[in-house]
N, C-alpha and C. Protein backbone atom coordinates (compact mmCIF):
# COMPACT_ATOMS: atom_id res chain seq x y z
N MET A 1 -43.00 7.92 -19.21
CA MET A 1 -43.22 6.56 -18.73
C MET A 1 -42.20 6.26 -17.64
N ALA A 2 -42.62 5.67 -16.54
CA ALA A 2 -41.75 5.36 -15.41
C ALA A 2 -40.91 4.12 -15.71
N THR A 3 -39.85 3.96 -14.95
CA THR A 3 -39.00 2.77 -15.11
C THR A 3 -39.73 1.53 -14.62
N ASN A 4 -39.26 0.39 -15.06
CA ASN A 4 -39.88 -0.89 -14.70
C ASN A 4 -39.70 -1.14 -13.21
N ARG A 5 -40.80 -1.28 -12.49
CA ARG A 5 -40.72 -1.44 -11.04
C ARG A 5 -40.25 -2.82 -10.63
N TYR A 6 -40.22 -3.78 -11.56
CA TYR A 6 -39.75 -5.13 -11.25
C TYR A 6 -38.23 -5.26 -11.42
N ILE A 7 -37.66 -4.45 -12.30
CA ILE A 7 -36.21 -4.40 -12.47
C ILE A 7 -35.79 -2.95 -12.30
N SER A 8 -35.74 -2.50 -11.09
CA SER A 8 -35.46 -1.10 -10.78
C SER A 8 -34.00 -0.92 -10.43
N GLN A 9 -33.57 0.33 -10.43
CA GLN A 9 -32.19 0.66 -10.06
C GLN A 9 -31.94 0.45 -8.57
N ASN A 10 -32.96 0.41 -7.76
CA ASN A 10 -32.77 0.38 -6.31
C ASN A 10 -33.35 -0.87 -5.65
N VAL A 11 -33.52 -1.95 -6.40
CA VAL A 11 -34.00 -3.19 -5.81
C VAL A 11 -32.84 -3.87 -5.09
N ARG A 12 -33.02 -4.10 -3.79
CA ARG A 12 -31.93 -4.63 -2.96
C ARG A 12 -31.48 -6.01 -3.41
N SER A 13 -32.40 -6.85 -3.85
CA SER A 13 -32.02 -8.20 -4.29
C SER A 13 -31.10 -8.15 -5.51
N GLU A 14 -31.38 -7.21 -6.44
CA GLU A 14 -30.53 -7.07 -7.62
C GLU A 14 -29.16 -6.54 -7.21
N GLN A 15 -29.12 -5.61 -6.27
CA GLN A 15 -27.85 -5.08 -5.79
C GLN A 15 -27.02 -6.17 -5.11
N ASN A 16 -27.69 -7.01 -4.32
CA ASN A 16 -26.98 -8.10 -3.63
C ASN A 16 -26.38 -9.08 -4.63
N LEU A 17 -27.14 -9.40 -5.68
CA LEU A 17 -26.64 -10.31 -6.70
C LEU A 17 -25.42 -9.73 -7.40
N TYR A 18 -25.50 -8.49 -7.81
CA TYR A 18 -24.40 -7.84 -8.51
C TYR A 18 -23.17 -7.75 -7.59
N GLU A 19 -23.41 -7.44 -6.32
CA GLU A 19 -22.32 -7.33 -5.35
C GLU A 19 -21.63 -8.67 -5.15
N ASP A 20 -22.38 -9.74 -5.03
CA ASP A 20 -21.80 -11.07 -4.86
C ASP A 20 -20.98 -11.48 -6.08
N LEU A 21 -21.45 -11.11 -7.27
CA LEU A 21 -20.71 -11.44 -8.49
C LEU A 21 -19.36 -10.71 -8.53
N ILE A 22 -19.34 -9.46 -8.08
CA ILE A 22 -18.09 -8.69 -8.05
C ILE A 22 -17.10 -9.31 -7.07
N ILE A 23 -17.59 -9.64 -5.86
CA ILE A 23 -16.72 -10.26 -4.85
C ILE A 23 -16.15 -11.57 -5.38
N GLU A 24 -17.00 -12.38 -5.99
CA GLU A 24 -16.57 -13.69 -6.49
C GLU A 24 -15.55 -13.55 -7.61
N SER A 25 -15.76 -12.61 -8.51
CA SER A 25 -14.83 -12.44 -9.63
C SER A 25 -13.47 -11.93 -9.14
N ILE A 26 -13.46 -11.03 -8.14
CA ILE A 26 -12.18 -10.55 -7.60
C ILE A 26 -11.45 -11.69 -6.90
N GLN A 27 -12.20 -12.53 -6.17
CA GLN A 27 -11.56 -13.66 -5.49
C GLN A 27 -11.05 -14.72 -6.47
N PHE A 28 -11.72 -14.86 -7.62
CA PHE A 28 -11.25 -15.81 -8.63
C PHE A 28 -10.02 -15.30 -9.36
N TYR A 29 -10.05 -14.06 -9.82
CA TYR A 29 -9.04 -13.55 -10.73
C TYR A 29 -8.08 -12.54 -10.10
N GLY A 30 -8.28 -12.23 -8.83
CA GLY A 30 -7.44 -11.23 -8.17
C GLY A 30 -6.20 -11.82 -7.52
N GLN A 31 -5.53 -10.99 -6.76
CA GLN A 31 -4.31 -11.36 -6.05
C GLN A 31 -4.48 -10.98 -4.58
N ASP A 32 -3.89 -11.76 -3.70
CA ASP A 32 -3.81 -11.37 -2.29
C ASP A 32 -2.69 -10.35 -2.15
N VAL A 33 -3.03 -9.15 -1.70
CA VAL A 33 -2.04 -8.10 -1.51
C VAL A 33 -2.11 -7.64 -0.05
N TYR A 34 -1.14 -6.83 0.34
CA TYR A 34 -1.11 -6.28 1.70
C TYR A 34 -1.32 -4.77 1.62
N TYR A 35 -2.27 -4.30 2.41
CA TYR A 35 -2.55 -2.86 2.48
C TYR A 35 -1.87 -2.30 3.73
N LEU A 36 -1.05 -1.26 3.55
CA LEU A 36 -0.29 -0.66 4.65
C LEU A 36 -0.74 0.78 4.86
N PRO A 37 -1.50 1.06 5.92
CA PRO A 37 -1.89 2.45 6.18
C PRO A 37 -0.72 3.26 6.72
N ARG A 38 -0.64 4.50 6.30
CA ARG A 38 0.44 5.41 6.74
C ARG A 38 0.11 5.95 8.13
N GLU A 39 1.10 5.91 9.02
CA GLU A 39 0.95 6.47 10.35
C GLU A 39 1.69 7.80 10.43
N ILE A 40 0.98 8.84 10.83
CA ILE A 40 1.58 10.16 10.96
C ILE A 40 2.35 10.22 12.28
N ILE A 41 3.64 10.55 12.22
CA ILE A 41 4.45 10.64 13.43
C ILE A 41 4.64 12.09 13.83
N ASN A 42 5.10 12.91 12.90
CA ASN A 42 5.42 14.30 13.21
C ASN A 42 5.02 15.16 12.03
N LEU A 43 3.84 15.76 12.10
CA LEU A 43 3.32 16.57 10.99
C LEU A 43 3.90 17.96 11.02
N ASP A 44 4.48 18.39 9.92
CA ASP A 44 4.99 19.75 9.78
C ASP A 44 3.80 20.68 9.57
N SER A 45 3.55 21.58 10.52
CA SER A 45 2.36 22.44 10.45
C SER A 45 2.47 23.51 9.38
N VAL A 46 3.68 23.79 8.90
CA VAL A 46 3.85 24.82 7.86
C VAL A 46 3.62 24.23 6.48
N PHE A 47 4.35 23.16 6.15
CA PHE A 47 4.27 22.55 4.82
C PHE A 47 3.30 21.36 4.78
N LEU A 48 2.70 21.02 5.94
CA LEU A 48 1.78 19.89 6.05
C LEU A 48 2.41 18.61 5.52
N ASP A 49 3.68 18.43 5.86
CA ASP A 49 4.43 17.26 5.43
C ASP A 49 4.75 16.40 6.65
N ASP A 50 4.76 15.12 6.47
CA ASP A 50 5.02 14.18 7.56
C ASP A 50 6.38 13.55 7.36
N ILE A 51 7.33 13.92 8.21
CA ILE A 51 8.69 13.38 8.08
C ILE A 51 9.11 12.85 9.44
N PRO A 52 9.43 11.61 9.58
CA PRO A 52 9.15 10.54 8.62
C PRO A 52 7.81 9.87 8.93
N SER A 53 7.31 9.09 8.03
CA SER A 53 6.10 8.29 8.27
C SER A 53 6.51 6.92 8.78
N ARG A 54 5.51 6.18 9.27
CA ARG A 54 5.75 4.83 9.73
C ARG A 54 4.65 3.92 9.20
N PHE A 55 5.03 2.71 8.82
CA PHE A 55 4.08 1.70 8.37
C PHE A 55 4.28 0.46 9.23
N SER A 56 3.44 0.28 10.23
CA SER A 56 3.62 -0.85 11.13
C SER A 56 2.47 -1.86 11.06
N ASP A 57 1.38 -1.51 10.38
CA ASP A 57 0.25 -2.43 10.23
C ASP A 57 0.15 -2.89 8.78
N SER A 58 -0.28 -4.13 8.60
CA SER A 58 -0.51 -4.65 7.25
C SER A 58 -1.77 -5.49 7.28
N TYR A 59 -2.59 -5.34 6.25
CA TYR A 59 -3.86 -6.06 6.15
C TYR A 59 -3.91 -6.81 4.83
N LYS A 60 -4.15 -8.11 4.91
CA LYS A 60 -4.23 -8.92 3.70
C LYS A 60 -5.63 -8.82 3.13
N VAL A 61 -5.73 -8.45 1.87
CA VAL A 61 -7.02 -8.30 1.20
C VAL A 61 -6.86 -8.65 -0.27
N GLU A 62 -7.90 -9.21 -0.87
CA GLU A 62 -7.82 -9.57 -2.29
C GLU A 62 -8.16 -8.35 -3.16
N MET A 63 -7.35 -8.14 -4.18
CA MET A 63 -7.57 -7.05 -5.14
C MET A 63 -7.34 -7.59 -6.54
N TYR A 64 -8.06 -7.02 -7.49
CA TYR A 64 -7.90 -7.39 -8.89
C TYR A 64 -6.93 -6.43 -9.54
N VAL A 65 -5.94 -6.96 -10.27
CA VAL A 65 -4.96 -6.13 -10.98
C VAL A 65 -5.51 -5.83 -12.36
N GLU A 66 -5.79 -4.55 -12.61
CA GLU A 66 -6.39 -4.14 -13.89
C GLU A 66 -5.44 -4.32 -15.07
N ASN A 67 -4.15 -4.08 -14.83
CA ASN A 67 -3.17 -4.14 -15.91
C ASN A 67 -2.83 -5.60 -16.22
N THR A 68 -3.28 -6.09 -17.34
CA THR A 68 -3.02 -7.50 -17.68
C THR A 68 -1.77 -7.68 -18.52
N ASP A 69 -1.27 -6.62 -19.14
CA ASP A 69 -0.10 -6.71 -20.02
C ASP A 69 1.18 -6.25 -19.33
N GLY A 70 1.14 -6.08 -18.04
CA GLY A 70 2.30 -5.56 -17.31
C GLY A 70 1.96 -4.22 -16.69
N PHE A 71 2.94 -3.64 -16.04
CA PHE A 71 2.71 -2.37 -15.37
C PHE A 71 2.55 -1.25 -16.38
N GLY A 72 1.69 -0.30 -16.03
CA GLY A 72 1.49 0.87 -16.89
C GLY A 72 2.42 1.99 -16.48
N GLY A 73 1.97 3.21 -16.71
CA GLY A 73 2.78 4.38 -16.38
C GLY A 73 3.79 4.70 -17.46
N GLU A 74 4.79 5.49 -17.09
CA GLU A 74 5.79 5.94 -18.05
C GLU A 74 6.95 4.96 -18.20
N GLY A 75 6.94 3.90 -17.41
CA GLY A 75 7.99 2.89 -17.53
C GLY A 75 9.30 3.35 -16.93
N ASP A 76 10.39 2.87 -17.49
CA ASP A 76 11.74 3.20 -17.00
C ASP A 76 12.31 4.35 -17.82
N LEU A 77 12.68 5.42 -17.14
CA LEU A 77 13.23 6.60 -17.81
C LEU A 77 14.65 6.83 -17.34
N VAL A 78 15.52 7.23 -18.28
CA VAL A 78 16.89 7.60 -17.93
C VAL A 78 16.95 9.12 -17.89
N SER A 79 17.25 9.65 -16.71
CA SER A 79 17.33 11.10 -16.54
C SER A 79 18.73 11.46 -16.08
N LYS A 80 18.96 12.74 -15.84
CA LYS A 80 20.28 13.17 -15.38
C LYS A 80 20.57 12.71 -13.96
N PHE A 81 19.54 12.23 -13.25
CA PHE A 81 19.73 11.71 -11.90
C PHE A 81 19.86 10.19 -11.89
N GLY A 82 19.83 9.56 -13.04
CA GLY A 82 19.95 8.11 -13.12
C GLY A 82 18.68 7.48 -13.65
N LEU A 83 18.51 6.20 -13.37
CA LEU A 83 17.35 5.46 -13.84
C LEU A 83 16.15 5.75 -12.94
N ASP A 84 15.05 6.18 -13.55
CA ASP A 84 13.83 6.51 -12.81
C ASP A 84 12.73 5.54 -13.26
N VAL A 85 12.29 4.69 -12.33
CA VAL A 85 11.27 3.69 -12.63
C VAL A 85 9.91 4.25 -12.24
N ARG A 86 9.02 4.38 -13.21
CA ARG A 86 7.70 4.96 -12.96
C ARG A 86 6.59 3.98 -13.33
N ASP A 87 6.68 2.79 -12.78
CA ASP A 87 5.65 1.78 -13.02
C ASP A 87 4.37 2.19 -12.30
N GLU A 88 3.25 1.89 -12.93
CA GLU A 88 1.94 2.22 -12.38
C GLU A 88 1.04 1.01 -12.48
N VAL A 89 0.17 0.84 -11.49
CA VAL A 89 -0.76 -0.28 -11.49
C VAL A 89 -2.09 0.20 -10.92
N ILE A 90 -3.18 -0.38 -11.41
CA ILE A 90 -4.52 -0.06 -10.92
C ILE A 90 -5.11 -1.32 -10.29
N PHE A 91 -5.47 -1.21 -9.02
CA PHE A 91 -6.11 -2.30 -8.29
C PHE A 91 -7.59 -2.01 -8.14
N THR A 92 -8.41 -3.06 -8.20
CA THR A 92 -9.84 -2.94 -7.89
C THR A 92 -10.11 -3.78 -6.66
N VAL A 93 -10.75 -3.15 -5.66
CA VAL A 93 -11.07 -3.85 -4.42
C VAL A 93 -12.54 -3.58 -4.09
N HIS A 94 -13.23 -4.61 -3.61
CA HIS A 94 -14.62 -4.46 -3.22
C HIS A 94 -14.69 -3.66 -1.92
N SER A 95 -15.59 -2.70 -1.83
CA SER A 95 -15.64 -1.79 -0.70
C SER A 95 -15.90 -2.51 0.62
N ASP A 96 -16.85 -3.46 0.63
CA ASP A 96 -17.17 -4.17 1.87
C ASP A 96 -16.03 -5.09 2.30
N ARG A 97 -15.39 -5.76 1.33
CA ARG A 97 -14.27 -6.64 1.65
C ARG A 97 -13.09 -5.82 2.20
N PHE A 98 -12.89 -4.63 1.65
CA PHE A 98 -11.81 -3.77 2.13
C PHE A 98 -12.09 -3.33 3.57
N GLU A 99 -13.32 -2.92 3.84
CA GLU A 99 -13.67 -2.48 5.19
C GLU A 99 -13.59 -3.63 6.19
N LEU A 100 -13.98 -4.82 5.76
CA LEU A 100 -13.90 -5.99 6.64
C LEU A 100 -12.46 -6.31 7.01
N ALA A 101 -11.54 -6.16 6.05
CA ALA A 101 -10.13 -6.51 6.29
C ALA A 101 -9.39 -5.44 7.08
N THR A 102 -9.75 -4.16 6.89
CA THR A 102 -8.93 -3.07 7.45
C THR A 102 -9.63 -2.21 8.50
N ASP A 103 -10.95 -2.33 8.62
CA ASP A 103 -11.73 -1.43 9.49
C ASP A 103 -11.68 0.01 9.02
N MET A 104 -11.38 0.22 7.75
CA MET A 104 -11.37 1.56 7.16
C MET A 104 -12.48 1.64 6.12
N VAL A 105 -13.06 2.83 5.96
CA VAL A 105 -14.17 3.00 5.03
C VAL A 105 -13.67 2.94 3.59
N LYS A 106 -12.51 3.53 3.32
CA LYS A 106 -11.96 3.54 1.96
C LYS A 106 -10.45 3.64 2.01
N PRO A 107 -9.76 3.22 0.94
CA PRO A 107 -8.31 3.41 0.87
C PRO A 107 -7.98 4.90 0.82
N LEU A 108 -6.82 5.26 1.32
CA LEU A 108 -6.41 6.66 1.37
C LEU A 108 -5.16 6.89 0.53
N GLU A 109 -5.11 8.05 -0.12
CA GLU A 109 -3.91 8.42 -0.87
C GLU A 109 -2.73 8.54 0.10
N GLY A 110 -1.58 8.04 -0.32
CA GLY A 110 -0.39 8.05 0.52
C GLY A 110 -0.14 6.73 1.22
N ASP A 111 -1.17 5.89 1.34
CA ASP A 111 -0.98 4.56 1.90
C ASP A 111 -0.29 3.67 0.87
N LEU A 112 0.16 2.49 1.29
CA LEU A 112 0.92 1.61 0.42
C LEU A 112 0.19 0.29 0.19
N VAL A 113 0.47 -0.30 -0.97
CA VAL A 113 -0.03 -1.63 -1.31
C VAL A 113 1.17 -2.47 -1.75
N PHE A 114 1.34 -3.63 -1.09
CA PHE A 114 2.44 -4.53 -1.45
C PHE A 114 1.90 -5.68 -2.27
N LEU A 115 2.46 -5.86 -3.46
CA LEU A 115 2.05 -6.93 -4.37
C LEU A 115 3.08 -8.06 -4.30
N PRO A 116 2.77 -9.16 -3.60
CA PRO A 116 3.76 -10.25 -3.45
C PRO A 116 4.19 -10.87 -4.78
N LEU A 117 3.32 -10.83 -5.78
CA LEU A 117 3.65 -11.42 -7.08
C LEU A 117 4.93 -10.85 -7.66
N SER A 118 5.09 -9.53 -7.58
CA SER A 118 6.29 -8.88 -8.11
C SER A 118 7.21 -8.37 -7.01
N LYS A 119 6.80 -8.57 -5.74
CA LYS A 119 7.51 -8.03 -4.58
C LYS A 119 7.67 -6.53 -4.71
N GLY A 120 6.66 -5.89 -5.28
CA GLY A 120 6.67 -4.44 -5.47
C GLY A 120 5.82 -3.73 -4.43
N LEU A 121 6.31 -2.59 -3.98
CA LEU A 121 5.59 -1.76 -3.03
C LEU A 121 5.10 -0.53 -3.77
N PHE A 122 3.78 -0.28 -3.74
CA PHE A 122 3.18 0.79 -4.52
C PHE A 122 2.47 1.79 -3.61
N GLU A 123 2.62 3.07 -3.95
CA GLU A 123 1.97 4.14 -3.19
C GLU A 123 0.69 4.56 -3.89
N ILE A 124 -0.38 4.69 -3.11
CA ILE A 124 -1.68 5.07 -3.67
C ILE A 124 -1.65 6.55 -4.03
N LYS A 125 -1.96 6.85 -5.29
CA LYS A 125 -1.99 8.22 -5.77
C LYS A 125 -3.42 8.75 -5.92
N PHE A 126 -4.37 7.85 -6.24
CA PHE A 126 -5.75 8.29 -6.44
C PHE A 126 -6.69 7.12 -6.20
N VAL A 127 -7.81 7.42 -5.55
CA VAL A 127 -8.84 6.41 -5.29
C VAL A 127 -10.12 6.83 -5.98
N GLU A 128 -10.55 6.06 -6.98
CA GLU A 128 -11.79 6.33 -7.72
C GLU A 128 -12.91 5.48 -7.12
N HIS A 129 -13.98 6.16 -6.66
CA HIS A 129 -15.07 5.43 -6.01
C HIS A 129 -16.36 5.43 -6.82
N GLU A 130 -16.32 5.98 -8.03
CA GLU A 130 -17.53 6.03 -8.85
C GLU A 130 -17.32 5.38 -10.21
N GLN A 131 -16.56 4.30 -10.23
CA GLN A 131 -16.29 3.59 -11.48
C GLN A 131 -16.39 2.09 -11.23
N PRO A 132 -17.34 1.40 -11.80
CA PRO A 132 -18.42 1.85 -12.70
C PRO A 132 -19.44 2.72 -11.96
N PHE A 133 -20.15 3.52 -12.71
CA PHE A 133 -20.97 4.59 -12.14
C PHE A 133 -22.34 4.08 -11.73
N TYR A 134 -22.51 3.82 -10.43
CA TYR A 134 -23.81 3.50 -9.82
C TYR A 134 -24.59 2.44 -10.60
N GLN A 135 -23.96 1.30 -10.84
CA GLN A 135 -24.70 0.20 -11.47
C GLN A 135 -25.70 -0.36 -10.48
N SER A 136 -26.94 -0.48 -10.91
CA SER A 136 -28.06 -0.90 -10.05
C SER A 136 -28.25 0.03 -8.87
N GLY A 137 -27.85 1.28 -9.03
CA GLY A 137 -28.10 2.29 -8.01
C GLY A 137 -27.11 2.32 -6.87
N LYS A 138 -25.95 1.65 -7.01
CA LYS A 138 -24.99 1.61 -5.92
C LYS A 138 -23.58 1.43 -6.47
N ASN A 139 -22.60 1.95 -5.72
CA ASN A 139 -21.20 1.69 -6.05
C ASN A 139 -20.68 0.58 -5.17
N TYR A 140 -19.90 -0.34 -5.75
CA TYR A 140 -19.50 -1.54 -5.04
C TYR A 140 -17.99 -1.64 -4.82
N SER A 141 -17.19 -0.92 -5.57
CA SER A 141 -15.75 -1.15 -5.52
C SER A 141 -14.99 0.17 -5.66
N PHE A 142 -13.69 0.08 -5.34
CA PHE A 142 -12.76 1.20 -5.52
C PHE A 142 -11.73 0.81 -6.56
N ASP A 143 -11.39 1.75 -7.45
CA ASP A 143 -10.24 1.60 -8.34
C ASP A 143 -9.10 2.42 -7.75
N ILE A 144 -8.01 1.75 -7.42
CA ILE A 144 -6.89 2.39 -6.73
C ILE A 144 -5.73 2.52 -7.70
N THR A 145 -5.38 3.75 -8.06
CA THR A 145 -4.25 4.01 -8.95
C THR A 145 -2.99 4.20 -8.11
N CYS A 146 -1.97 3.37 -8.39
CA CYS A 146 -0.75 3.37 -7.58
C CYS A 146 0.48 3.53 -8.47
N GLU A 147 1.52 4.13 -7.90
CA GLU A 147 2.83 4.21 -8.54
C GLU A 147 3.85 3.49 -7.68
N LEU A 148 4.90 3.00 -8.34
CA LEU A 148 5.96 2.32 -7.61
C LEU A 148 6.50 3.24 -6.52
N TYR A 149 6.58 2.73 -5.32
CA TYR A 149 6.95 3.54 -4.15
C TYR A 149 8.44 3.85 -4.15
N GLN A 150 8.77 5.11 -3.88
CA GLN A 150 10.16 5.52 -3.76
C GLN A 150 10.46 5.70 -2.28
N TYR A 151 11.25 4.80 -1.75
CA TYR A 151 11.53 4.79 -0.32
C TYR A 151 12.31 6.04 0.08
N SER A 152 11.90 6.68 1.19
CA SER A 152 12.59 7.88 1.67
C SER A 152 12.66 7.89 3.20
N GLU A 153 13.30 6.85 3.74
CA GLU A 153 13.60 6.72 5.17
C GLU A 153 12.38 6.55 6.07
N GLU A 154 11.27 6.04 5.53
CA GLU A 154 10.13 5.70 6.38
C GLU A 154 10.41 4.40 7.12
N GLN A 155 9.74 4.20 8.24
CA GLN A 155 9.91 2.98 9.02
C GLN A 155 8.93 1.93 8.53
N LEU A 156 9.43 0.77 8.16
CA LEU A 156 8.61 -0.35 7.74
C LEU A 156 8.78 -1.46 8.76
N ASP A 157 7.78 -1.66 9.58
CA ASP A 157 7.85 -2.66 10.65
C ASP A 157 6.54 -3.42 10.69
N THR A 158 6.27 -4.19 9.64
CA THR A 158 4.99 -4.88 9.49
C THR A 158 5.02 -6.32 9.96
N GLY A 159 6.22 -6.87 10.16
CA GLY A 159 6.34 -8.28 10.51
C GLY A 159 6.37 -9.19 9.30
N ILE A 160 6.27 -8.64 8.10
CA ILE A 160 6.36 -9.41 6.86
C ILE A 160 7.74 -9.16 6.26
N ALA A 161 8.53 -10.22 6.16
CA ALA A 161 9.95 -10.08 5.81
C ALA A 161 10.16 -9.36 4.48
N ASP A 162 9.38 -9.70 3.46
CA ASP A 162 9.58 -9.10 2.13
C ASP A 162 9.35 -7.59 2.16
N ILE A 163 8.46 -7.13 3.02
CA ILE A 163 8.19 -5.69 3.12
C ILE A 163 9.26 -5.01 3.97
N ASP A 164 9.55 -5.59 5.13
CA ASP A 164 10.51 -4.96 6.05
C ASP A 164 11.92 -4.92 5.47
N ASN A 165 12.26 -5.87 4.58
CA ASN A 165 13.59 -5.87 3.97
C ASN A 165 13.80 -4.67 3.06
N ILE A 166 12.72 -4.06 2.57
CA ILE A 166 12.86 -2.87 1.71
C ILE A 166 13.54 -1.75 2.48
N GLU A 167 13.15 -1.58 3.75
CA GLU A 167 13.79 -0.55 4.58
C GLU A 167 15.25 -0.88 4.80
N ARG A 168 15.54 -2.16 5.10
CA ARG A 168 16.93 -2.55 5.37
C ARG A 168 17.81 -2.37 4.13
N GLU A 169 17.28 -2.65 2.95
CA GLU A 169 18.09 -2.59 1.72
C GLU A 169 18.25 -1.16 1.22
N GLN A 170 17.29 -0.28 1.49
CA GLN A 170 17.33 1.04 0.88
C GLN A 170 17.60 2.18 1.85
N SER A 171 17.65 1.91 3.15
CA SER A 171 17.88 2.99 4.10
C SER A 171 19.37 3.28 4.24
N ALA A 172 19.66 4.47 4.75
CA ALA A 172 21.05 4.85 5.00
C ALA A 172 21.57 4.07 6.20
N ALA A 173 22.82 3.69 6.18
CA ALA A 173 23.42 2.90 7.25
C ALA A 173 24.63 3.63 7.81
N ILE A 174 24.89 3.42 9.09
CA ILE A 174 26.05 4.01 9.76
C ILE A 174 26.89 2.88 10.34
N ASP A 175 28.16 2.88 10.04
CA ASP A 175 29.07 1.90 10.61
C ASP A 175 29.63 2.45 11.91
N LEU A 176 29.49 1.69 12.99
CA LEU A 176 30.03 2.08 14.28
C LEU A 176 31.33 1.33 14.53
N ILE A 177 32.36 2.06 14.93
CA ILE A 177 33.65 1.45 15.24
C ILE A 177 33.85 1.54 16.75
N MET A 178 33.96 0.38 17.39
CA MET A 178 34.12 0.33 18.84
C MET A 178 35.59 0.53 19.19
N THR A 179 35.88 1.53 20.03
CA THR A 179 37.25 1.79 20.46
C THR A 179 37.28 1.89 21.98
N ALA A 180 38.43 2.09 22.52
CA ALA A 180 38.64 2.30 23.96
C ALA A 180 38.05 1.15 24.78
N GLY A 181 38.42 -0.06 24.40
CA GLY A 181 38.02 -1.20 25.20
C GLY A 181 36.68 -1.81 24.84
N GLY A 182 35.99 -1.28 23.87
CA GLY A 182 34.72 -1.86 23.47
C GLY A 182 34.93 -3.18 22.75
N SER A 183 34.12 -4.15 23.03
CA SER A 183 34.27 -5.44 22.36
C SER A 183 32.92 -6.13 22.31
N GLY A 184 32.88 -7.21 21.58
CA GLY A 184 31.66 -8.00 21.47
C GLY A 184 31.26 -8.18 20.02
N SER A 185 30.36 -9.10 19.80
CA SER A 185 29.84 -9.31 18.45
C SER A 185 28.39 -8.89 18.44
N PHE A 186 28.01 -8.14 17.45
CA PHE A 186 26.67 -7.57 17.37
C PHE A 186 26.01 -7.99 16.07
N SER A 187 24.71 -8.05 16.07
CA SER A 187 23.97 -8.43 14.86
C SER A 187 23.17 -7.24 14.35
N VAL A 188 22.72 -7.34 13.12
CA VAL A 188 21.93 -6.27 12.50
C VAL A 188 20.65 -6.06 13.29
N ASP A 189 20.30 -4.78 13.52
CA ASP A 189 19.09 -4.35 14.24
C ASP A 189 19.19 -4.54 15.75
N GLU A 190 20.31 -5.02 16.24
CA GLU A 190 20.47 -5.14 17.69
C GLU A 190 20.73 -3.76 18.29
N GLU A 191 20.11 -3.46 19.42
CA GLU A 191 20.34 -2.19 20.09
C GLU A 191 21.64 -2.27 20.88
N VAL A 192 22.50 -1.26 20.68
CA VAL A 192 23.80 -1.23 21.30
C VAL A 192 23.91 0.01 22.18
N TYR A 193 24.26 -0.17 23.44
CA TYR A 193 24.38 0.95 24.38
C TYR A 193 25.86 1.23 24.65
N GLN A 194 26.18 2.51 24.67
CA GLN A 194 27.54 2.93 25.05
C GLN A 194 27.37 4.12 25.97
N GLY A 195 27.65 3.92 27.21
CA GLY A 195 27.41 4.99 28.18
C GLY A 195 25.90 5.17 28.36
N GLY A 196 25.44 6.40 28.19
CA GLY A 196 24.00 6.67 28.36
C GLY A 196 23.25 6.82 27.06
N SER A 197 23.94 6.68 25.93
CA SER A 197 23.29 6.90 24.64
C SER A 197 23.00 5.57 23.95
N LEU A 198 22.10 5.61 23.00
CA LEU A 198 21.68 4.40 22.28
C LEU A 198 22.13 4.52 20.83
N ALA A 199 22.73 3.47 20.32
CA ALA A 199 23.14 3.42 18.92
C ALA A 199 22.57 2.15 18.34
N ALA A 200 22.62 1.99 17.03
CA ALA A 200 22.12 0.78 16.38
C ALA A 200 23.22 0.15 15.56
N ALA A 201 23.37 -1.14 15.67
CA ALA A 201 24.37 -1.85 14.87
C ALA A 201 23.88 -2.00 13.46
N THR A 202 24.77 -1.81 12.48
CA THR A 202 24.39 -1.96 11.07
C THR A 202 25.32 -2.94 10.39
């Protein structure tokens, strides 16, 4: 016996209704987050590693936080290297809303998501595009599994103070001592020239 042709898996009106309900529920119960795509600066052709990366664009998009009882993952671990925080969070974002906000077809592993609620920066580890599995004959959303981001000298220049301050607070700093007649007052991030070379005030 064939499936009911009036309530079929591929009826566009049913898909539109289901899609609108997903968008509405994410906008009701979700959070406004910032999506930061990773920019490749210098790719190592041997190890296929990018050192360092840069994050200069940010896109505001609504996502639903799956974890309602707090962050998942392994939590806070004490190891021989000190305290290791392994918080994990799963975001759900509607595929069309994501593409509208970012001009990208799907989120990519290695990109970042900033959650203003906790001021946490999370790195995307896995993007699930088949959950739930083809309801009404179509997939509507992405489940993005993220871990708390461990800063490693990447450039954060998004124009959003809470994000850019992560680089300032966690990056290595060099103190410059002006000698031989050098004088003046300098501020953080100001470019300082001495002779023909460029240094940065910290």
